[in-house]
Structures are given as structure tokens and as C-alpha cells.
Amino acid sequence: MTTSTETQTIQIAIQGGAGAFHEMAAAKFFCGIDFRIHPCETFEDVFYELATGKCDSGIMAIENSVAGSILPNYTMLRKSGFKVVGEVYLRIIQNLMALPGETLQGLGEIHSHPVAIQQCSLFLEPFRKKGVKIVETSDTALSARRISKLQLKGIAALASRNAAELYQLEILAAGVESDKQNFTRFLVISGNSRVFSLDKDNRLAADKASLCLSFLYWPTTT
């Protein structure tokens, strides 16, 4: 979402591309506010965009109800010095998609982010046993985009319905996540006063605190 006045637009760094779940989380949190997405391949790139001032805010997945906490993101957040200004809980629905005309029986590879693959382990197991190669990639939506851009036959991706529509792929199987209560918690991070000043719908009202504790071990002598 953009406006003609770029200076009023909130620049948001996300891991992944258009159609990614991070984009959906950004749209949910910044609903009603003009923003522009900056796709990043890795979470490290998200922090770089913030540190260099290219973006005002970032969206970062921090834990999933199936896959658990994303521990490296906690470490990067702690070292960065950026503040958590909000959070988004998003129901994650994974879909298997491929080029129009493809079939489940004709697949030789399935591509997606490692966490998405973990979320769909029960669905993927029969494919593994049949010799279908499960390939880990940097992002769900980017996997879908690559299939569309290169017209890769015999290859499917696990991604959102938004990605399927955006890249004109056909959903071969919908809702393939193992747990139908599959949720991801995303953190909204920033070091920019423009983001801190946002108060629409009181979305930035402080009602939760995050603590980071360190334990020191002092060896004793006898």
C-alpha cells in the first residue's frame, strides 16, 4: 500500500516477498496506515534495513505454535537495541501450489521455508516415502514466485493463498498444516520516532513487557 506522498508512508522491512505471511502480518497491524513493504531474504537483512535507516519498522516472526520459538531472532533482537512496539498473532494456513495443470502425482519436488515444512510434516511424509524431494528455501512466497517466474514443472511450493493468487499458481491441496490451530506470533520492531508516534486505534499502547535475563555462573573452590 503506498501513497503519492512518500514521506508520509511507513517503510516496513519483512522477511520474504510479496504474498508472504510477514506481509499479511504487516497489513493486519498497520491496517488503515499507509505503508510500503521492503522484502528481505533473511531476518538479518530486516535488521540491516532498520539499522541503516532505510525502513521505519520491521516485522519478525518470533514463535510458532507448532515449530516453537525462533531462537536466533531473540538473539538478534537483543543485540540490535531496537524496541518491540507491537505484536501480531496470525493463523497460518499452508497450501500446496504449482503451475496450472500440475497434479499431486506428477510432483518431484516440494519447496518452502524450513518452518513451513515442519508445520506440514504429516502431509509431506507420504510424499517423502514416494521419493519426492523436500527442499528448504528462504521463504514460502519466494518459493511460489520462483516456480511461476521460471515456469518450473513438477515442482510445488508451500505458501499462503495470497501467494498463489499473486503468482497465478494453482492450489493442489489447501490447508495442509498438521495442526489446524497453527498460529505464529510476529513482533513489530522499530527504533524510529515516527512509528512510536502512531496511535491509531491505540495499537501501540503498552500492555506487555518483554524481559531478557542472563545468568552468571560463579565456580566455587573447595
Protein backbone atom coordinates (compact mmCIF):
# COMPACT_ATOMS: atom_id res chain seq x y z
CA MET A 1 0.00 0.00 0.00
CA THR A 2 1.50 3.34 -0.95
CA THR A 3 0.51 6.96 -1.23
CA SER A 4 1.57 9.76 -3.53
CA THR A 5 3.33 11.40 -0.60
CA GLU A 6 6.18 9.01 0.04
CA THR A 7 7.40 10.93 3.11
CA GLN A 8 4.17 10.02 4.94
CA THR A 9 4.45 6.34 4.10
CA ILE A 10 5.77 3.95 6.76
CA GLN A 11 8.55 1.81 5.30
CA ILE A 12 8.40 -1.76 6.63
CA ALA A 13 11.05 -4.44 6.25
CA ILE A 14 9.78 -8.03 6.16
CA GLN A 15 11.45 -11.39 5.75
CA GLY A 16 10.18 -12.84 2.49
CA GLY A 17 8.46 -11.42 -0.54
CA ALA A 18 5.02 -10.28 -1.63
CA GLY A 19 2.43 -12.83 -0.56
CA ALA A 20 4.47 -13.94 2.47
CA PHE A 21 2.89 -14.36 5.88
CA HIS A 22 5.06 -11.49 7.11
CA GLU A 23 3.34 -9.22 4.61
CA MET A 24 -0.04 -10.40 5.90
CA ALA A 25 1.07 -9.64 9.47
CA ALA A 26 2.19 -6.16 8.41
CA ALA A 27 -1.14 -5.49 6.71
CA LYS A 28 -3.00 -6.60 9.83
CA PHE A 29 -1.01 -4.44 12.24
CA PHE A 30 -0.73 -1.33 10.06
CA CYS A 31 -4.31 -1.53 8.76
CA GLY A 32 -5.51 1.99 7.91
CA ILE A 33 -1.97 3.39 7.76
CA ASP A 34 -0.11 4.00 4.51
CA PHE A 35 2.88 1.69 4.31
CA ARG A 36 5.29 0.19 1.82
CA ILE A 37 6.84 -3.26 2.12
CA HIS A 38 10.58 -3.85 1.69
CA PRO A 39 11.10 -7.59 1.02
CA CYS A 40 14.21 -9.13 2.61
CA GLU A 41 15.61 -12.60 2.06
CA THR A 42 16.73 -13.11 5.68
CA PHE A 43 15.96 -11.78 9.14
CA GLU A 44 19.49 -10.39 9.23
CA ASP A 45 18.54 -8.25 6.25
CA VAL A 46 15.50 -6.95 8.14
CA PHE A 47 17.73 -5.67 10.94
CA TYR A 48 20.13 -4.18 8.39
CA GLU A 49 17.29 -2.21 6.75
CA LEU A 50 16.38 -0.79 10.15
CA ALA A 51 19.96 -0.09 11.22
CA THR A 52 20.73 1.83 8.03
CA GLY A 53 17.55 3.88 8.25
CA LYS A 54 16.08 2.51 5.04
CA CYS A 55 12.98 1.33 6.89
CA ASP A 56 10.96 2.71 9.80
CA SER A 57 9.79 -0.64 11.14
CA GLY A 58 10.25 -4.35 10.74
CA ILE A 59 8.06 -7.44 11.10
CA MET A 60 9.69 -10.53 12.56
CA ALA A 61 8.24 -13.95 13.35
CA ILE A 62 9.28 -14.93 16.86
CA GLU A 63 7.40 -18.15 17.67
CA ASN A 64 5.00 -20.65 16.17
CA SER A 65 2.53 -22.90 17.97
CA VAL A 66 3.92 -25.94 16.13
CA ALA A 67 7.58 -25.18 15.44
CA GLY A 68 8.22 -23.30 18.68
CA SER A 69 10.43 -20.26 19.29
CA ILE A 70 12.78 -18.92 16.64
CA LEU A 71 15.76 -18.58 18.95
CA PRO A 72 18.16 -16.76 16.55
CA ASN A 73 15.60 -13.94 16.26
CA TYR A 74 15.62 -13.42 20.02
CA THR A 75 19.39 -13.08 19.89
CA MET A 76 19.34 -10.60 17.00
CA LEU A 77 16.65 -8.54 18.69
CA ARG A 78 18.59 -8.40 21.97
CA LYS A 79 21.79 -7.30 20.25
CA SER A 80 20.10 -4.77 17.96
CA GLY A 81 18.77 -2.39 20.58
CA PHE A 82 15.50 -1.93 18.68
CA LYS A 83 12.23 -1.80 20.59
CA VAL A 84 9.24 -4.10 20.32
CA VAL A 85 6.33 -1.75 19.60
CA GLY A 86 3.62 -4.31 18.91
CA GLU A 87 2.76 -7.88 18.08
CA VAL A 88 0.51 -9.76 15.68
CA TYR A 89 -0.98 -13.24 16.03
CA LEU A 90 -1.72 -14.76 12.64
CA ARG A 91 -3.44 -18.02 11.81
CA ILE A 92 -1.10 -19.79 9.39
CA ILE A 93 -2.79 -21.79 6.64
CA GLN A 94 -0.34 -23.55 4.35
CA ASN A 95 -1.32 -24.54 0.83
CA LEU A 96 0.44 -26.72 -1.73
CA MET A 97 0.59 -24.91 -5.07
CA ALA A 98 2.10 -25.41 -8.51
CA LEU A 99 1.71 -24.32 -12.11
CA PRO A 100 -1.79 -24.74 -13.57
CA GLY A 101 -2.29 -28.27 -14.86
CA GLU A 102 0.14 -29.89 -12.43
CA THR A 103 -1.01 -32.84 -10.30
CA LEU A 104 -0.03 -34.30 -6.95
CA GLN A 105 1.08 -37.49 -8.68
CA GLY A 106 3.42 -35.60 -11.01
CA LEU A 107 5.41 -33.77 -8.35
CA GLY A 108 9.10 -34.43 -7.98
CA GLU A 109 9.96 -31.65 -5.52
CA ILE A 110 8.23 -29.52 -2.88
CA HIS A 111 9.87 -26.24 -1.86
CA SER A 112 9.30 -23.99 1.16
CA HIS A 113 10.77 -22.39 4.25
CA PRO A 114 12.01 -24.91 6.86
CA VAL A 115 9.41 -23.80 9.42
CA ALA A 116 6.60 -24.22 6.87
CA ILE A 117 7.89 -27.69 6.05
CA GLN A 118 7.91 -28.55 9.74
CA GLN A 119 4.33 -27.29 10.08
CA CYS A 120 3.22 -29.64 7.29
CA SER A 121 5.18 -32.73 8.31
CA LEU A 122 2.20 -35.10 8.39
CA PHE A 123 1.06 -34.05 4.93
CA LEU A 124 4.57 -34.28 3.49
CA GLU A 125 5.50 -37.69 4.89
CA PRO A 126 3.70 -39.74 2.16
CA PHE A 127 5.49 -37.65 -0.47
CA ARG A 128 8.85 -38.32 1.18
CA LYS A 129 8.19 -42.04 1.14
CA LYS A 130 7.40 -41.88 -2.57
CA GLY A 131 10.75 -40.21 -3.25
CA VAL A 132 9.54 -36.62 -3.63
CA LYS A 133 12.37 -34.27 -2.67
CA ILE A 134 11.52 -31.75 0.08
CA VAL A 135 13.65 -28.65 -0.49
CA GLU A 136 14.24 -25.96 2.15
CA THR A 137 14.26 -22.39 0.86
CA SER A 138 14.49 -18.88 2.32
CA ASP A 139 10.76 -18.11 2.12
CA THR A 140 7.32 -19.53 1.32
CA ALA A 141 6.21 -16.79 -1.07
CA LEU A 142 9.59 -16.55 -2.77
CA SER A 143 9.35 -20.28 -3.50
CA ALA A 144 5.99 -19.71 -5.16
CA ARG A 145 7.34 -16.75 -7.13
CA ARG A 146 10.29 -18.77 -8.41
CA ILE A 147 8.02 -21.55 -9.68
CA SER A 148 5.88 -19.01 -11.50
CA LYS A 149 8.75 -16.93 -12.87
CA LEU A 150 10.75 -19.89 -14.18
CA GLN A 151 7.69 -21.97 -15.07
CA LEU A 152 9.05 -24.95 -13.13
CA LYS A 153 7.09 -28.07 -13.87
CA GLY A 154 6.89 -30.94 -11.40
CA ILE A 155 7.70 -28.59 -8.51
CA ALA A 156 5.28 -27.30 -5.88
CA ALA A 157 5.54 -24.80 -3.04
CA LEU A 158 4.02 -24.49 0.40
CA ALA A 159 2.75 -20.94 0.83
CA SER A 160 -0.25 -18.72 1.52
CA ARG A 161 -3.34 -18.41 -0.65
CA ASN A 162 -2.26 -14.80 -1.26
CA ALA A 163 0.93 -16.09 -2.87
CA ALA A 164 -1.00 -18.49 -5.10
CA GLU A 165 -3.23 -15.69 -6.35
CA LEU A 166 -0.38 -13.23 -6.76
CA TYR A 167 1.82 -15.61 -8.78
CA GLN A 168 -1.07 -17.28 -10.61
CA LEU A 169 -0.44 -20.76 -9.25
CA GLU A 170 -3.00 -23.49 -8.75
CA ILE A 171 -3.66 -24.81 -5.25
CA LEU A 172 -3.35 -28.59 -5.37
CA ALA A 173 -4.13 -29.07 -1.68
CA ALA A 174 -5.43 -26.44 0.75
CA GLY A 175 -4.89 -26.25 4.50
CA VAL A 176 -2.14 -28.87 4.67
CA GLU A 177 -0.68 -27.78 8.02
CA SER A 178 -0.59 -30.60 10.57
CA ASP A 179 -2.21 -28.56 13.35
CA LYS A 180 -5.36 -26.65 12.45
CA GLN A 181 -4.61 -24.31 15.37
CA ASN A 182 -1.36 -23.26 13.72
CA PHE A 183 -0.56 -19.70 14.80
CA THR A 184 2.57 -17.56 14.51
CA ARG A 185 3.38 -14.59 16.73
CA PHE A 186 5.08 -11.73 14.92
CA LEU A 187 6.86 -8.84 16.60
CA VAL A 188 6.73 -5.31 15.25
CA ILE A 189 10.12 -3.72 15.90
CA SER A 190 11.40 -0.20 15.41
CA GLY A 191 13.81 2.47 16.52
CA ASN A 192 12.00 5.26 14.69
CA SER A 193 10.02 8.01 16.41
CA ARG A 194 7.56 8.12 13.50
CA VAL A 195 6.44 4.61 14.38
CA PHE A 196 6.40 5.34 18.12
CA SER A 197 4.03 8.24 17.46
CA LEU A 198 1.41 6.09 15.75
CA ASP A 199 -1.64 5.88 17.98
CA LYS A 200 -4.44 4.90 15.63
CA ASP A 201 -6.83 2.55 17.44
CA ASN A 202 -4.42 2.71 20.40
CA ARG A 203 -2.43 -0.08 18.75
CA LEU A 204 0.85 1.00 20.34
CA ALA A 205 -0.48 1.32 23.88
CA ALA A 206 1.94 -0.52 26.16
CA ASP A 207 0.22 -3.51 27.77
CA LYS A 208 3.00 -6.07 27.77
CA ALA A 209 6.67 -6.12 28.72
CA SER A 210 9.47 -8.38 27.48
CA LEU A 211 12.37 -9.30 29.72
CA CYS A 212 15.76 -10.76 28.87
CA LEU A 213 17.53 -12.44 31.76
CA SER A 214 21.15 -13.53 31.93
CA PHE A 215 22.50 -15.98 34.48
CA LEU A 216 26.10 -15.84 35.61
CA TYR A 217 27.84 -18.94 36.87
CA TRP A 218 30.49 -18.43 39.52
CA PRO A 219 32.56 -21.57 40.08
CA THR A 220 33.34 -22.34 43.69
CA THR A 221 36.51 -23.77 45.07
CA THR A 222 36.85 -26.20 47.90
